[in-house]
């Protein structure tokens, strides 16, 4: 049986590029910090599913570099650049042409 795959799409939490609609209220750094916390919680929930399921978790990112992502999330997480939109990722995973 093939393991399930869970993909989390996120952006590196660089001030001024994340949660931009909240910048007027939280400021650039505050909005980036909120994004960081929300992404970390989502990723932690995804990883916790691996305890009860045969599941592979991947992070697909935009912004930042591989090094910045590893400094933020650690080296144990599969993290790839978000070069493709969702349908391309699904096509790659399921070997289906869209």
C-alpha atoms as a PDB file:
ATOM      1  CA  UNK A   1       0.000   0.000   0.000  1.00  0.00           C
ATOM      2  CA  UNK A   2       1.345   3.394  -1.013  1.00  0.00           C
ATOM      3  CA  UNK A   3       1.831   5.899   1.814  1.00  0.00           C
ATOM      4  CA  UNK A   4      -0.342   8.972   1.879  1.00  0.00           C
ATOM      5  CA  UNK A   5       1.273  12.303   1.110  1.00  0.00           C
ATOM      6  CA  UNK A   6       0.381  15.601   2.742  1.00  0.00           C
ATOM      7  CA  UNK A   7       1.721  18.766   1.120  1.00  0.00           C
ATOM      8  CA  UNK A   8       1.782  22.040   3.026  1.00  0.00           C
ATOM      9  CA  UNK A   9       2.150  25.115   0.842  1.00  0.00           C
ATOM     10  CA  UNK A  10       3.692  28.070   2.653  1.00  0.00           C
ATOM     11  CA  UNK A  11       5.804  31.127   2.159  1.00  0.00           C
ATOM     12  CA  UNK A  12       8.989  31.967   4.006  1.00  0.00           C
ATOM     13  CA  UNK A  13       7.886  34.497   6.670  1.00  0.00           C
ATOM     14  CA  UNK A  14       9.831  37.505   5.433  1.00  0.00           C
ATOM     15  CA  UNK A  15       8.494  40.838   6.715  1.00  0.00           C
ATOM     16  CA  UNK A  16       6.527  42.639   4.028  1.00  0.00           C
ATOM     17  CA  UNK A  17       5.717  39.513   2.005  1.00  0.00           C
ATOM     18  CA  UNK A  18       3.346  37.551   4.236  1.00  0.00           C
ATOM     19  CA  UNK A  19      -0.091  38.357   5.639  1.00  0.00           C
ATOM     20  CA  UNK A  20       0.131  41.661   3.779  1.00  0.00           C
ATOM     21  CA  UNK A  21      -3.477  42.641   4.521  1.00  0.00           C
ATOM     22  CA  UNK A  22      -2.592  42.594   8.223  1.00  0.00           C
ATOM     23  CA  UNK A  23       0.443  44.859   7.844  1.00  0.00           C
ATOM     24  CA  UNK A  24      -1.558  48.054   8.547  1.00  0.00           C
ATOM     25  CA  UNK A  25      -2.592  46.597  11.919  1.00  0.00           C
ATOM     26  CA  UNK A  26       0.396  44.423  12.893  1.00  0.00           C
ATOM     27  CA  UNK A  27       3.249  45.984  10.944  1.00  0.00           C
ATOM     28  CA  UNK A  28       5.490  44.052   8.573  1.00  0.00           C
ATOM     29  CA  UNK A  29       7.327  42.170  11.323  1.00  0.00           C
ATOM     30  CA  UNK A  30       4.146  41.416  13.269  1.00  0.00           C
ATOM     31  CA  UNK A  31       2.424  40.035  10.168  1.00  0.00           C
ATOM     32  CA  UNK A  32       5.465  37.889   9.350  1.00  0.00           C
ATOM     33  CA  UNK A  33       5.577  36.600  12.936  1.00  0.00           C
ATOM     34  CA  UNK A  34       1.888  35.688  12.776  1.00  0.00           C
ATOM     35  CA  UNK A  35       2.484  33.811   9.533  1.00  0.00           C
ATOM     36  CA  UNK A  36       5.482  32.041  11.082  1.00  0.00           C
ATOM     37  CA  UNK A  37       3.402  30.859  14.057  1.00  0.00           C
ATOM     38  CA  UNK A  38       0.467  29.758  11.904  1.00  0.00           C
ATOM     39  CA  UNK A  39       2.723  27.847   9.508  1.00  0.00           C
ATOM     40  CA  UNK A  40       4.612  26.188  12.368  1.00  0.00           C
ATOM     41  CA  UNK A  41       1.340  25.063  13.953  1.00  0.00           C
ATOM     42  CA  UNK A  42       0.049  23.689  10.647  1.00  0.00           C
ATOM     43  CA  UNK A  43       3.303  21.826  10.000  1.00  0.00           C
ATOM     44  CA  UNK A  44       3.369  20.443  13.564  1.00  0.00           C
ATOM     45  CA  UNK A  45      -0.204  19.148  13.143  1.00  0.00           C
ATOM     46  CA  UNK A  46       0.728  17.561   9.817  1.00  0.00           C
ATOM     47  CA  UNK A  47       3.800  15.891  11.319  1.00  0.00           C
ATOM     48  CA  UNK A  48       1.805  14.615  14.293  1.00  0.00           C
ATOM     49  CA  UNK A  49      -0.388  12.672  11.860  1.00  0.00           C
ATOM     50  CA  UNK A  50       2.654  10.556  11.013  1.00  0.00           C
ATOM     51  CA  UNK A  51       2.322   8.908  14.436  1.00  0.00           C
ATOM     52  CA  UNK A  52      -0.988   7.322  13.501  1.00  0.00           C
ATOM     53  CA  UNK A  53      -0.783   6.992   9.706  1.00  0.00           C
ATOM     54  CA  UNK A  54       1.618   5.934   7.023  1.00  0.00           C
ATOM     55  CA  UNK A  55       2.117   9.483   5.847  1.00  0.00           C
ATOM     56  CA  UNK A  56       4.774  11.527   4.094  1.00  0.00           C
ATOM     57  CA  UNK A  57       4.754  15.288   4.766  1.00  0.00           C
ATOM     58  CA  UNK A  58       6.337  17.753   2.347  1.00  0.00           C
ATOM     59  CA  UNK A  59       6.611  21.512   2.565  1.00  0.00           C
ATOM     60  CA  UNK A  60       6.413  23.441  -0.696  1.00  0.00           C
ATOM     61  CA  UNK A  61       7.626  26.979  -0.206  1.00  0.00           C
ATOM     62  CA  UNK A  62       7.809  30.247  -1.993  1.00  0.00           C
ATOM     63  CA  UNK A  63      10.269  32.919  -0.937  1.00  0.00           C
ATOM     64  CA  UNK A  64      13.352  32.423   1.147  1.00  0.00           C
ATOM     65  CA  UNK A  65      16.048  29.887   0.389  1.00  0.00           C
ATOM     66  CA  UNK A  66      16.535  26.251   1.302  1.00  0.00           C
ATOM     67  CA  UNK A  67      18.998  27.351   3.987  1.00  0.00           C
ATOM     68  CA  UNK A  68      16.536  29.837   5.508  1.00  0.00           C
ATOM     69  CA  UNK A  69      13.802  27.197   5.534  1.00  0.00           C
ATOM     70  CA  UNK A  70      16.110  24.690   7.248  1.00  0.00           C
ATOM     71  CA  UNK A  71      17.153  27.288   9.816  1.00  0.00           C
ATOM     72  CA  UNK A  72      13.467  27.948  10.486  1.00  0.00           C
ATOM     73  CA  UNK A  73      12.002  24.424  10.334  1.00  0.00           C
ATOM     74  CA  UNK A  74      15.007  22.147  10.792  1.00  0.00           C
ATOM     75  CA  UNK A  75      16.694  19.606   8.550  1.00  0.00           C
ATOM     76  CA  UNK A  76      14.261  16.747   9.172  1.00  0.00           C
ATOM     77  CA  UNK A  77      11.499  18.211   7.016  1.00  0.00           C
ATOM     78  CA  UNK A  78      11.278  17.679   3.265  1.00  0.00           C
ATOM     79  CA  UNK A  79      11.118  21.184   1.839  1.00  0.00           C
ATOM     80  CA  UNK A  80      10.992  22.083  -1.823  1.00  0.00           C
ATOM     81  CA  UNK A  81      10.704  25.259  -3.781  1.00  0.00           C
ATOM     82  CA  UNK A  82       7.158  25.875  -4.930  1.00  0.00           C
ATOM     83  CA  UNK A  83       7.965  25.968  -8.618  1.00  0.00           C
ATOM     84  CA  UNK A  84       4.618  24.629  -9.708  1.00  0.00           C
ATOM     85  CA  UNK A  85       1.031  25.371  -8.916  1.00  0.00           C
ATOM     86  CA  UNK A  86      -1.127  22.824  -7.128  1.00  0.00           C
ATOM     87  CA  UNK A  87      -2.177  20.945 -10.260  1.00  0.00           C
ATOM     88  CA  UNK A  88       1.456  20.428 -11.282  1.00  0.00           C
ATOM     89  CA  UNK A  89       2.270  19.040  -7.834  1.00  0.00           C
ATOM     90  CA  UNK A  90      -0.691  16.688  -8.006  1.00  0.00           C
ATOM     91  CA  UNK A  91       0.288  15.604 -11.495  1.00  0.00           C
ATOM     92  CA  UNK A  92       3.793  14.813 -10.263  1.00  0.00           C
ATOM     93  CA  UNK A  93       2.583  12.914  -7.220  1.00  0.00           C
ATOM     94  CA  UNK A  94      -0.064  10.876  -9.019  1.00  0.00           C
ATOM     95  CA  UNK A  95       1.686  10.729 -12.426  1.00  0.00           C
ATOM     96  CA  UNK A  96      -1.368  12.214 -14.091  1.00  0.00           C
ATOM     97  CA  UNK A  97      -1.375  14.673 -16.965  1.00  0.00           C
ATOM     98  CA  UNK A  98      -3.670  17.717 -16.574  1.00  0.00           C
END
